[in-house]
Amino acid sequence: MDCTLQEYLPVSLANGWHKWHQHLLLGVLVTSSGILQGYQAQSTLAQNLSTDYCHISPAEVSAKNVLRLAAQKGDRNSQAKYGDLVKKHVNYVQQCRQKSWLKNQAIWVRLYPCDTRPGALEEIFDRMVDRGYNQVYVATFYGKALLPRSTNRTAWNSVLTTRDTDKTDLLADAIQKGRDRGMKVYAWLYSLNFGPEYGVTPEGQSAVALNGRGETTLFAGEEGFQKATDGNTSSVLFVDPYSNKARTDYEKMVAEVARRRPDGILFDYIRFPRGQGGQSIASHVRDLWIYGDESRQTLAALAQNSKGTDLIDRYLTKGTITVNDLKEVDQLYPNEVAPLWQGRTPLADEGNMSYEEKFPWIEWDLWQLALAHASQGVVSFLQRATLPVSQQQLKSGAVFFPEANQPIGGRGFDSRLQAWDRFATTEWHPMAYATCNRSDCITEQVRRVLRFAPAKTEVVPALAGNWSKPTEGRPSLEDQMNGIRRSLPQIQSISHFAFSWQEPELDYYRSSCQLK
């Protein structure tokens, strides 16, 4: 099972790893037998980056790392000292967080098969604690499930596939390792993005979302709108939120995760995809992902008379209606005054109006019905998905883009149709990822979410970036958090995306390493 860094890292990264490893050992003496010398239990934490962020001092980070490596080799003295230092750091972060304005600082992380190696999870969680994190969001479903293959009865393959890890429950192990270090551990799940493997079987294909041009959402990237012609494994595939098969399969998987008793479950990708350029705006019914069989059936069921049923079908099939459609429907159903569907109030004198007069109103009402139907599918999918979570009395969280529920222009809407203001979860996790090179645009995204948040819903902004340096149009994490602290003092919990950004060399190693 062992894999060495040199085997899998390119030379440039391997050199970087060597320098990083030397930095960890700086100021610490190790004998040839691996026993730490010169470690002093009474060392202080005075070298923190900032007490506000509860970072552990570099000297103690190095000491703990050396003790952990020696402990893995079976040295009992190092094992005892390592355990003591872990506890000391747990107590420090807990006390620091109690005094800080920021009560919870979380980080997002994905685990890999090589994290089943002895000591791997300890190293990952130690590094999180070193930077003052007291919560972690573990990627648990992203087209594959972080569940043991031997007992995985879900519709998805397991992340761990080798024979030696057949019974390994990496999620349960991560929950335990995190809690050993004073951290709350959440499971982080993709939602409507089921991954391309789900659509391989005829049953799965029947649950896939379709738009009015007969296209699926098989993309070459998370936000791209180009077709994945090469079967790229990084492709995404969204399902019809009205599909009973999709809902049932997903609910079973959530129930399996909930049985591991994480501290909460976060639901991501509760939306439709966002295309590029003009395709990022839904301005026509054929842009909407409501053409799956069950979605169409559910929409048709909203009609309240025959005229309504007929016009809804014509609107979806042709992508529009005409004045002639209104005339034909009147001839087919002469005993009905006006077309009716749920939520529609006919015009005051609609029966006596000319076709030209009432046509734009009816067409507009059909467009509004289609938009509402698409948005409701996302909302109702989440409602059902959270049932196993509430049954286990766990926290549930919705992850969303603050700007993904907005109208654009006179008729269009953000194509994600993410009506997050209607998400009924105990926590909201807005991805405040604005890129204006300042913190104020990020703060404004969070401020907008707070205006919609119910009184009992905790808002936990997700920030993207790195410590002490700007990243891709965003200021450092410290600057982002200080902006929120100054403007929105009611915020007491924040998360950082992502562990891989903070530890790119380690993440490359972990993701490319092969178990033997």
Protein backbone atom coordinates (compact mmCIF):
# COMPACT_ATOMS: atom_id res chain seq x y z
CA MET A 1 0.00 0.00 0.00
CA ASP A 2 2.91 2.36 0.44
CA CYS A 3 3.59 4.93 -2.26
CA THR A 4 6.47 7.36 -2.26
CA LEU A 5 6.28 10.94 -3.36
CA GLN A 6 9.16 10.61 -5.79
CA GLU A 7 7.30 7.94 -7.74
CA TYR A 8 4.37 10.14 -8.62
CA LEU A 9 5.42 13.79 -8.54
CA PRO A 10 7.05 15.53 -11.50
CA VAL A 11 10.54 16.87 -10.78
CA SER A 12 9.40 20.46 -10.26
CA LEU A 13 6.83 19.48 -7.66
CA ALA A 14 9.10 16.94 -6.06
CA ASN A 15 11.70 19.64 -5.52
CA GLY A 16 9.03 21.85 -4.03
CA TRP A 17 7.97 19.02 -1.74
CA HIS A 18 11.58 18.54 -0.61
CA LYS A 19 11.89 22.21 0.35
CA TRP A 20 8.51 22.09 2.11
CA HIS A 21 9.56 18.99 4.04
CA GLN A 22 12.80 20.68 5.08
CA HIS A 23 10.80 23.66 6.29
CA LEU A 24 8.71 21.39 8.52
CA LEU A 25 11.84 20.04 10.16
CA LEU A 26 13.46 23.45 10.62
CA GLY A 27 14.52 24.03 14.20
CA VAL A 28 13.87 20.45 15.30
CA LEU A 29 16.50 17.79 15.97
CA VAL A 30 15.89 14.16 15.01
CA THR A 31 18.19 11.25 15.76
CA SER A 32 18.91 8.46 13.25
CA SER A 33 16.31 6.34 14.98
CA GLY A 34 13.67 8.98 14.34
CA ILE A 35 13.27 10.04 17.99
CA LEU A 36 12.58 13.72 18.50
CA GLN A 37 15.09 15.48 20.71
CA GLY A 38 14.80 18.94 22.14
CA TYR A 39 11.01 19.02 22.14
CA GLN A 40 9.81 21.02 25.11
CA ALA A 41 6.26 20.52 26.33
CA GLN A 42 6.15 24.00 27.80
CA SER A 43 6.67 25.73 24.41
CA THR A 44 4.19 28.50 23.80
CA LEU A 45 1.92 29.37 20.90
CA ALA A 46 3.11 32.97 20.75
CA GLN A 47 4.14 32.76 17.09
CA ASN A 48 0.60 32.46 15.74
CA LEU A 49 -0.21 34.26 12.53
CA SER A 50 -3.05 35.91 14.44
CA THR A 51 -5.06 35.03 17.51
CA ASP A 52 -8.15 35.91 15.48
CA TYR A 53 -7.47 32.96 13.19
CA CYS A 54 -6.12 30.60 15.85
CA HIS A 55 -3.12 29.35 13.88
CA ILE A 56 -0.64 27.08 15.63
CA SER A 57 2.95 28.39 15.77
CA PRO A 58 5.38 27.10 13.09
CA ALA A 59 7.66 25.58 15.73
CA GLU A 60 4.88 23.44 17.19
CA VAL A 61 3.61 22.51 13.74
CA SER A 62 7.09 21.17 12.93
CA ALA A 63 7.36 19.38 16.26
CA LYS A 64 4.01 17.66 15.82
CA ASN A 65 4.83 16.56 12.30
CA VAL A 66 8.12 14.95 13.37
CA LEU A 67 6.44 13.24 16.32
CA ARG A 68 3.69 11.90 14.06
CA LEU A 69 6.22 10.42 11.62
CA ALA A 70 8.19 8.82 14.44
CA ALA A 71 5.00 7.53 16.06
CA GLN A 72 4.02 5.84 12.79
CA LYS A 73 7.26 3.87 12.94
CA GLY A 74 6.23 2.45 16.30
CA ASP A 75 8.24 4.61 18.68
CA ARG A 76 6.17 4.59 21.87
CA ASN A 77 7.78 7.64 23.39
CA SER A 78 6.94 9.65 20.26
CA GLN A 79 3.42 8.21 20.21
CA ALA A 80 2.76 9.48 23.71
CA LYS A 81 4.26 12.90 23.00
CA TYR A 82 2.36 13.16 19.72
CA GLY A 83 -0.92 12.37 21.48
CA ASP A 84 -0.21 14.99 24.12
CA LEU A 85 0.57 17.64 21.53
CA VAL A 86 -2.55 16.82 19.52
CA LYS A 87 -4.65 17.32 22.66
CA LYS A 88 -2.83 20.55 23.45
CA HIS A 89 -3.60 21.94 20.01
CA VAL A 90 -7.22 20.85 20.25
CA ASN A 91 -7.60 22.72 23.53
CA TYR A 92 -5.85 25.77 22.14
CA VAL A 93 -8.07 26.04 19.06
CA GLN A 94 -11.21 25.49 21.12
CA GLN A 95 -10.28 28.20 23.61
CA CYS A 96 -9.13 30.55 20.86
CA ARG A 97 -12.39 30.12 18.94
CA GLN A 98 -14.43 30.86 22.07
CA LYS A 99 -12.64 34.21 22.40
CA SER A 100 -12.64 35.02 18.70
CA TRP A 101 -15.37 36.81 16.74
CA LEU A 102 -15.20 33.83 14.37
CA LYS A 103 -16.61 30.89 16.30
CA ASN A 104 -16.34 28.39 13.45
CA GLN A 105 -13.74 28.26 10.69
CA ALA A 106 -14.33 25.40 8.24
CA ILE A 107 -12.49 24.01 5.23
CA TRP A 108 -13.60 21.91 2.24
CA VAL A 109 -11.61 18.76 1.40
CA ARG A 110 -11.73 15.78 -0.93
CA LEU A 111 -10.27 12.45 0.20
CA TYR A 112 -8.51 9.96 -2.09
CA PRO A 113 -7.75 6.22 -1.99
CA CYS A 114 -4.20 6.88 -0.74
CA ASP A 115 -5.68 8.56 2.32
CA THR A 116 -6.33 5.04 3.60
CA ARG A 117 -2.56 4.67 4.20
CA PRO A 118 -1.50 4.61 7.87
CA GLY A 119 -1.09 8.13 9.18
CA ALA A 120 -2.52 9.87 6.09
CA LEU A 121 -5.74 11.12 7.70
CA GLU A 122 -3.82 12.16 10.81
CA GLU A 123 -1.56 14.34 8.68
CA ILE A 124 -4.48 15.95 6.82
CA PHE A 125 -6.45 16.77 9.94
CA ASP A 126 -3.37 17.93 11.82
CA ARG A 127 -2.74 20.47 9.08
CA MET A 128 -6.30 21.72 9.34
CA VAL A 129 -6.00 22.21 13.08
CA ASP A 130 -2.64 23.95 12.55
CA ARG A 131 -4.48 26.68 10.64
CA GLY A 132 -7.19 27.06 13.24
CA TYR A 133 -9.96 25.07 11.57
CA ASN A 134 -12.54 23.52 13.85
CA GLN A 135 -14.89 22.25 11.14
CA VAL A 136 -14.32 20.30 7.92
CA TYR A 137 -16.60 19.51 4.98
CA VAL A 138 -15.63 16.15 3.46
CA ALA A 139 -16.55 15.45 -0.17
CA THR A 140 -18.74 12.38 0.15
CA PHE A 141 -20.60 12.21 -3.16
CA TYR A 142 -19.45 13.66 -6.48
CA GLY A 143 -20.51 11.05 -9.03
CA LYS A 144 -18.85 8.45 -6.76
CA ALA A 145 -19.70 7.66 -3.15
CA LEU A 146 -17.26 7.68 -0.22
CA LEU A 147 -18.75 4.43 1.06
CA PRO A 148 -17.23 0.94 1.50
CA ARG A 149 -17.47 -1.04 -1.73
CA SER A 150 -18.37 -4.26 0.07
CA THR A 151 -21.57 -2.75 1.49
CA ASN A 152 -22.29 -0.06 -1.09
CA ARG A 153 -25.85 -0.59 -2.31
CA THR A 154 -26.27 2.83 -3.85
CA ALA A 155 -26.56 3.60 -7.58
CA TRP A 156 -22.95 4.84 -7.68
CA ASN A 157 -19.53 3.24 -7.57
CA SER A 158 -17.37 3.69 -4.49
CA VAL A 159 -14.38 6.02 -4.37
CA LEU A 160 -12.31 3.10 -3.02
CA THR A 161 -12.11 0.23 -5.52
CA THR A 162 -9.07 -1.89 -4.63
CA ARG A 163 -9.44 -5.24 -2.89
CA ASP A 164 -7.43 -4.17 0.14
CA THR A 165 -9.84 -1.27 0.79
CA ASP A 166 -13.01 -3.23 0.06
CA LYS A 167 -14.31 -2.82 3.60
CA THR A 168 -12.65 0.48 4.45
CA ASP A 169 -15.10 3.15 5.53
CA LEU A 170 -13.06 6.26 4.77
CA LEU A 171 -15.93 8.61 5.65
CA ALA A 172 -16.42 7.04 9.09
CA ASP A 173 -12.65 7.11 9.63
CA ALA A 174 -12.49 10.78 8.67
CA ILE A 175 -15.35 11.62 11.02
CA GLN A 176 -13.49 9.93 13.88
CA LYS A 177 -10.09 11.47 13.10
CA GLY A 178 -11.65 14.90 12.87
CA ARG A 179 -13.49 14.56 16.14
CA ASP A 180 -10.32 13.30 17.81
CA ARG A 181 -8.92 16.72 16.91
CA GLY A 182 -11.89 18.71 18.16
CA MET A 183 -13.44 19.24 14.72
CA LYS A 184 -17.02 18.93 13.57
CA VAL A 185 -17.14 16.87 10.38
CA TYR A 186 -19.81 17.44 7.74
CA ALA A 187 -20.49 15.27 4.68
CA TRP A 188 -20.56 17.34 1.47
CA LEU A 189 -22.73 15.95 -1.35
CA TYR A 190 -23.38 16.91 -4.94
CA SER A 191 -27.11 16.91 -5.58
CA LEU A 192 -28.64 17.21 -9.07
CA ASN A 193 -25.22 16.61 -10.64
CA PHE A 194 -25.21 12.80 -10.51
CA GLY A 195 -22.11 12.33 -12.67
CA PRO A 196 -21.85 10.75 -16.16
CA GLU A 197 -21.71 7.14 -14.93
CA TYR A 198 -25.30 7.42 -13.74
CA GLY A 199 -26.58 7.82 -17.31
CA VAL A 200 -24.94 4.67 -18.65
CA THR A 201 -27.88 2.32 -18.04
CA PRO A 202 -31.29 2.73 -19.72
CA GLU A 203 -32.85 3.28 -16.30
CA GLY A 204 -30.40 6.02 -15.47
CA GLN A 205 -30.75 7.59 -18.90
CA SER A 206 -34.50 7.92 -18.35
CA ALA A 207 -33.78 10.15 -15.33
CA VAL A 208 -31.41 12.53 -17.11
CA ALA A 209 -32.47 16.17 -17.54
CA LEU A 210 -33.35 17.31 -21.07
CA ASN A 211 -33.87 20.75 -22.55
CA GLY A 212 -36.14 21.67 -25.43
CA ARG A 213 -33.44 20.95 -27.99
CA GLY A 214 -33.12 17.33 -26.88
CA GLU A 215 -29.75 17.95 -25.21
CA THR A 216 -28.52 16.47 -21.94
CA THR A 217 -26.18 18.25 -19.53
CA LEU A 218 -23.10 16.21 -20.36
CA PHE A 219 -20.47 18.93 -20.24
CA ALA A 220 -16.71 19.05 -20.52
CA GLY A 221 -16.48 21.06 -17.32
CA GLU A 222 -18.56 22.04 -14.33
CA GLU A 223 -19.71 25.32 -15.87
CA GLY A 224 -18.95 24.71 -19.54
CA PHE A 225 -21.70 24.40 -22.13
CA GLN A 226 -19.76 22.48 -24.77
CA LYS A 227 -20.45 18.80 -25.33
CA ALA A 228 -17.98 16.28 -23.93
CA THR A 229 -17.22 14.41 -27.15
CA ASP A 230 -14.33 12.42 -25.67
CA GLY A 231 -16.19 10.95 -22.71
CA ASN A 232 -14.08 13.02 -20.33
CA THR A 233 -14.31 11.60 -16.81
CA SER A 234 -14.53 15.13 -15.40
CA SER A 235 -17.82 15.66 -17.20
CA VAL A 236 -20.98 16.32 -15.27
CA LEU A 237 -24.49 15.04 -15.78
CA PHE A 238 -27.58 16.62 -14.25
CA VAL A 239 -30.78 14.70 -13.66
CA ASP A 240 -34.41 15.67 -13.95
CA PRO A 241 -35.37 16.79 -10.41
CA TYR A 242 -38.86 15.40 -11.00
CA SER A 243 -37.58 11.90 -11.79
CA ASN A 244 -38.79 9.51 -9.12
CA LYS A 245 -35.89 7.15 -9.83
CA ALA A 246 -33.37 9.94 -9.36
CA ARG A 247 -35.02 11.07 -6.15
CA THR A 248 -35.23 7.54 -4.75
CA ASP A 249 -31.63 6.67 -5.63
CA TYR A 250 -30.37 9.89 -4.10
CA GLU A 251 -32.43 9.54 -0.94
CA LYS A 252 -31.02 6.03 -0.37
CA MET A 253 -27.49 7.35 -0.71
CA VAL A 254 -28.17 10.24 1.70
CA ALA A 255 -29.59 7.76 4.21
CA GLU A 256 -26.38 5.70 4.02
CA VAL A 257 -24.31 8.80 4.68
CA ALA A 258 -26.56 9.91 7.53
CA ARG A 259 -26.05 6.53 9.24
CA ARG A 260 -22.38 7.47 9.69
CA ARG A 261 -23.59 10.28 11.95
CA PRO A 262 -21.60 13.22 10.59
CA ASP A 263 -22.27 16.53 12.32
CA GLY A 264 -24.23 17.67 9.28
CA ILE A 265 -24.79 17.10 5.57
CA LEU A 266 -24.25 19.83 2.97
CA PHE A 267 -26.05 19.72 -0.37
CA ASP A 268 -24.22 21.24 -3.35
CA TYR A 269 -25.25 21.50 -7.03
CA ILE A 270 -28.88 22.12 -6.07
CA ARG A 271 -29.45 23.83 -9.38
CA PHE A 272 -29.32 23.51 -13.13
CA PRO A 273 -26.07 24.15 -15.03
CA ARG A 274 -24.83 27.57 -16.05
CA GLY A 275 -23.75 27.86 -19.65
CA GLN A 276 -21.22 30.21 -21.18
CA GLY A 277 -21.99 33.55 -22.77
CA GLY A 278 -25.58 33.89 -23.92
CA GLN A 279 -26.35 30.38 -22.70
CA SER A 280 -25.92 31.56 -19.12
CA ILE A 281 -29.34 33.19 -19.47
CA ALA A 282 -32.59 31.27 -19.80
CA SER A 283 -34.84 33.43 -21.98
CA HIS A 284 -36.76 30.79 -23.92
CA VAL A 285 -38.71 27.77 -22.76
CA ARG A 286 -36.40 25.47 -24.72
CA ASP A 287 -33.51 26.70 -22.55
CA LEU A 288 -35.13 25.07 -19.51
CA TRP A 289 -34.27 21.55 -18.35
CA ILE A 290 -37.91 20.51 -18.05
CA TYR A 291 -38.27 18.17 -21.03
CA GLY A 292 -37.65 14.88 -19.25
CA ASP A 293 -40.69 12.60 -19.28
CA GLU A 294 -41.55 13.01 -15.61
CA SER A 295 -40.93 16.73 -15.64
CA ARG A 296 -43.32 17.13 -18.58
CA GLN A 297 -45.91 14.94 -16.90
CA THR A 298 -45.70 16.94 -13.69
CA LEU A 299 -46.06 20.21 -15.59
CA ALA A 300 -49.04 18.91 -17.57
CA ALA A 301 -50.70 17.93 -14.28
CA LEU A 302 -50.73 21.60 -13.27
CA ALA A 303 -53.36 22.31 -15.92
CA GLN A 304 -56.86 22.84 -14.53
CA ASN A 305 -58.87 22.41 -17.70
CA SER A 306 -58.50 21.01 -21.21
CA LYS A 307 -57.54 24.34 -22.75
CA GLY A 308 -54.75 24.64 -20.23
CA THR A 309 -53.49 21.11 -20.91
CA ASP A 310 -53.50 21.65 -24.66
CA LEU A 311 -51.72 25.01 -24.56
CA ILE A 312 -49.03 23.76 -22.16
CA ASP A 313 -48.30 20.85 -24.50
CA ARG A 314 -48.15 23.10 -27.56
CA TYR A 315 -45.91 25.57 -25.78
CA LEU A 316 -43.40 22.90 -24.79
CA THR A 317 -43.50 21.07 -28.11
CA LYS A 318 -43.12 24.09 -30.39
CA GLY A 319 -41.26 26.36 -27.96
CA THR A 320 -43.94 29.01 -28.43
CA ILE A 321 -47.61 29.51 -29.14
CA THR A 322 -49.37 31.61 -31.77
CA VAL A 323 -52.68 33.36 -32.14
CA ASN A 324 -53.82 30.42 -34.26
CA ASP A 325 -53.13 28.09 -31.34
CA LEU A 326 -55.56 30.10 -29.21
CA LYS A 327 -58.19 29.90 -31.95
CA GLU A 328 -57.76 26.15 -32.40
CA VAL A 329 -57.98 25.51 -28.67
CA ASP A 330 -61.19 27.55 -28.45
CA GLN A 331 -62.66 25.45 -31.25
CA LEU A 332 -61.67 22.21 -29.56
CA TYR A 333 -63.06 23.17 -26.14
CA PRO A 334 -65.86 25.71 -26.73
CA ASN A 335 -67.41 25.20 -23.29
CA GLU A 336 -64.30 26.53 -21.44
CA VAL A 337 -63.95 30.30 -21.19
CA ALA A 338 -60.18 30.57 -20.61
CA PRO A 339 -57.16 28.25 -20.32
CA LEU A 340 -56.40 27.51 -16.68
CA TRP A 341 -53.44 26.12 -14.79
CA GLN A 342 -52.21 26.33 -11.23
CA GLY A 343 -51.40 29.91 -10.31
CA ARG A 344 -53.11 31.51 -13.30
CA THR A 345 -55.81 34.12 -12.84
CA PRO A 346 -57.57 34.87 -16.16
CA LEU A 347 -57.90 38.45 -17.32
CA ALA A 348 -61.06 40.22 -16.16
CA ASP A 349 -62.86 40.02 -19.53
CA GLU A 350 -60.70 37.40 -21.25
CA GLY A 351 -63.63 35.61 -22.88
CA ASN A 352 -64.62 38.73 -24.78
CA MET A 353 -61.14 39.92 -25.73
CA SER A 354 -59.74 39.58 -29.24
CA TYR A 355 -57.09 36.93 -29.77
CA GLU A 356 -54.50 39.59 -30.53
CA GLU A 357 -55.27 41.35 -27.22
CA LYS A 358 -55.04 38.32 -24.95
CA PHE A 359 -52.25 36.47 -26.76
CA PRO A 360 -49.24 38.27 -25.14
CA TRP A 361 -50.76 37.81 -21.67
CA ILE A 362 -51.33 34.09 -22.11
CA GLU A 363 -47.88 33.61 -23.63
CA TRP A 364 -46.32 35.46 -20.67
CA ASP A 365 -48.30 33.34 -18.21
CA LEU A 366 -47.00 30.17 -19.90
CA TRP A 367 -43.41 31.41 -19.63
CA GLN A 368 -43.90 32.19 -15.95
CA LEU A 369 -45.42 28.74 -15.42
CA ALA A 370 -42.42 27.05 -17.06
CA LEU A 371 -39.95 29.05 -14.96
CA ALA A 372 -41.84 28.32 -11.74
CA HIS A 373 -41.98 24.62 -12.63
CA ALA A 374 -38.23 24.43 -13.24
CA SER A 375 -37.42 26.27 -10.00
CA GLN A 376 -39.85 24.20 -7.97
CA GLY A 377 -38.20 21.01 -9.18
CA VAL A 378 -34.92 22.07 -7.59
CA VAL A 379 -36.62 23.11 -4.34
CA SER A 380 -38.71 19.94 -4.01
CA PHE A 381 -35.69 17.73 -4.81
CA LEU A 382 -33.85 19.25 -1.86
CA GLN A 383 -36.89 18.92 0.40
CA ARG A 384 -37.03 15.19 -0.20
CA ALA A 385 -33.25 14.77 0.01
CA THR A 386 -33.13 16.26 3.50
CA LEU A 387 -35.66 13.80 4.94
CA PRO A 388 -33.05 11.19 6.01
CA VAL A 389 -31.01 14.02 7.54
CA SER A 390 -33.85 15.31 9.69
CA GLN A 391 -34.76 11.74 10.69
CA GLN A 392 -31.26 11.38 12.13
CA GLN A 393 -31.60 14.83 13.73
CA LEU A 394 -28.55 16.11 11.89
CA LYS A 395 -27.93 19.60 10.55
CA SER A 396 -28.58 20.18 6.86
CA GLY A 397 -26.96 22.85 4.74
CA ALA A 398 -27.63 24.23 1.26
CA VAL A 399 -24.66 25.37 -0.86
CA PHE A 400 -25.50 27.95 -3.52
CA PHE A 401 -24.41 30.93 -5.59
CA PRO A 402 -25.85 34.18 -4.19
CA GLU A 403 -26.54 35.53 -7.69
CA ALA A 404 -28.06 32.34 -9.16
CA ASN A 405 -31.70 33.22 -8.48
CA GLN A 406 -31.91 36.53 -10.31
CA PRO A 407 -33.76 37.82 -13.38
CA ILE A 408 -31.51 39.14 -16.12
CA GLY A 409 -32.88 41.71 -18.53
CA GLY A 410 -36.57 41.97 -19.28
CA ARG A 411 -37.34 38.28 -19.78
CA GLY A 412 -34.31 36.14 -18.97
CA PHE A 413 -33.21 34.45 -15.76
CA ASP A 414 -29.91 33.07 -14.57
CA SER A 415 -29.93 29.63 -16.21
CA ARG A 416 -29.10 27.89 -12.90
CA LEU A 417 -32.58 28.76 -11.59
CA GLN A 418 -31.33 28.23 -8.06
CA ALA A 419 -34.18 29.52 -5.91
CA TRP A 420 -32.09 29.37 -2.76
CA ASP A 421 -34.30 31.86 -0.94
CA ARG A 422 -36.77 28.95 -0.67
CA PHE A 423 -34.27 26.35 0.54
CA ALA A 424 -35.48 24.98 3.89
CA THR A 425 -32.26 23.82 5.57
CA THR A 426 -30.80 24.68 8.96
CA GLU A 427 -27.74 26.30 7.35
CA TRP A 428 -27.16 28.35 4.19
CA HIS A 429 -23.69 28.25 2.63
CA PRO A 430 -23.48 30.98 -0.01
CA MET A 431 -20.41 30.71 -2.23
CA ALA A 432 -19.23 34.31 -2.07
CA TYR A 433 -16.69 34.00 -4.86
CA ALA A 434 -16.85 37.48 -6.41
CA THR A 435 -13.64 38.59 -8.15
CA CYS A 436 -13.23 42.37 -7.90
CA ASN A 437 -9.81 42.25 -6.19
CA ARG A 438 -11.43 43.73 -3.07
CA SER A 439 -13.47 42.37 -0.20
CA ASP A 440 -16.47 44.68 -0.60
CA CYS A 441 -18.04 42.82 -3.54
CA ILE A 442 -17.72 39.57 -1.58
CA THR A 443 -19.28 41.19 1.46
CA GLU A 444 -22.15 42.49 -0.67
CA GLN A 445 -22.96 38.96 -1.85
CA VAL A 446 -23.24 37.82 1.77
CA ARG A 447 -25.30 40.87 2.67
CA ARG A 448 -27.85 39.97 -0.02
CA VAL A 449 -28.19 36.44 1.37
CA LEU A 450 -28.73 37.77 4.88
CA ARG A 451 -31.67 39.84 3.66
CA PHE A 452 -33.47 36.64 2.64
CA ALA A 453 -32.38 34.35 5.48
CA PRO A 454 -35.08 33.18 7.93
CA ALA A 455 -34.40 34.01 11.57
CA LYS A 456 -33.35 30.46 12.53
CA THR A 457 -31.17 29.80 9.47
CA GLU A 458 -27.43 30.19 10.06
CA VAL A 459 -25.57 31.82 7.17
CA VAL A 460 -22.06 30.42 6.71
CA PRO A 461 -20.28 32.17 3.81
CA ALA A 462 -17.89 30.08 1.73
CA LEU A 463 -14.81 32.06 0.69
CA ALA A 464 -12.34 31.08 -2.01
CA GLY A 465 -8.66 31.90 -1.73
CA ASN A 466 -5.43 31.47 0.19
CA TRP A 467 -3.90 32.76 3.37
CA SER A 468 -1.73 35.89 3.14
CA LYS A 469 -1.92 36.31 -0.64
CA PRO A 470 -4.49 37.26 -3.30
CA THR A 471 -5.81 34.49 -5.55
CA GLU A 472 -7.54 34.83 -8.93
CA GLY A 473 -9.03 38.27 -8.40
CA ARG A 474 -9.76 37.77 -4.72
CA PRO A 475 -7.86 39.26 -1.77
CA SER A 476 -6.31 37.04 0.88
CA LEU A 477 -8.59 35.07 3.18
CA GLU A 478 -7.66 37.42 6.03
CA ASP A 479 -8.78 40.45 4.02
CA GLN A 480 -12.01 38.77 2.98
CA MET A 481 -12.82 37.79 6.56
CA ASN A 482 -11.93 41.22 7.92
CA GLY A 483 -14.30 42.78 5.39
CA ILE A 484 -17.12 40.55 6.61
CA ARG A 485 -16.23 41.21 10.24
CA ARG A 486 -16.40 44.97 9.77
CA SER A 487 -19.61 45.07 7.74
CA LEU A 488 -21.56 42.01 8.92
CA PRO A 489 -20.75 41.32 12.59
CA GLN A 490 -23.66 38.87 12.85
CA ILE A 491 -21.61 36.35 10.83
CA GLN A 492 -19.83 33.97 13.21
CA SER A 493 -19.01 31.03 10.93
CA ILE A 494 -17.06 30.99 7.65
CA SER A 495 -15.64 28.26 5.41
CA HIS A 496 -12.66 28.25 3.05
CA PHE A 497 -12.47 26.59 -0.33
CA ALA A 498 -10.33 24.56 -0.36
CA PHE A 499 -7.73 22.36 1.30
CA SER A 500 -6.28 21.59 -2.13
CA TRP A 501 -5.65 25.31 -2.71
CA GLN A 502 -3.77 25.63 0.55
CA GLU A 503 -1.81 22.40 0.12
CA PRO A 504 -1.42 21.98 -3.67
CA GLU A 505 1.68 19.77 -3.54
CA LEU A 506 0.22 17.44 -0.96
CA ASP A 507 -3.08 17.34 -2.85
CA TYR A 508 -1.31 16.44 -6.10
CA TYR A 509 0.49 13.64 -4.34
CA ARG A 510 -2.66 12.33 -2.68
CA SER A 511 -4.74 12.47 -5.86
CA SER A 512 -2.15 10.85 -8.15
CA CYS A 513 -0.75 8.28 -5.71
CA GLN A 514 -1.55 4.63 -6.43
CA LEU A 515 -2.19 2.02 -3.76
CA LYS A 516 -0.03 -1.08 -4.03
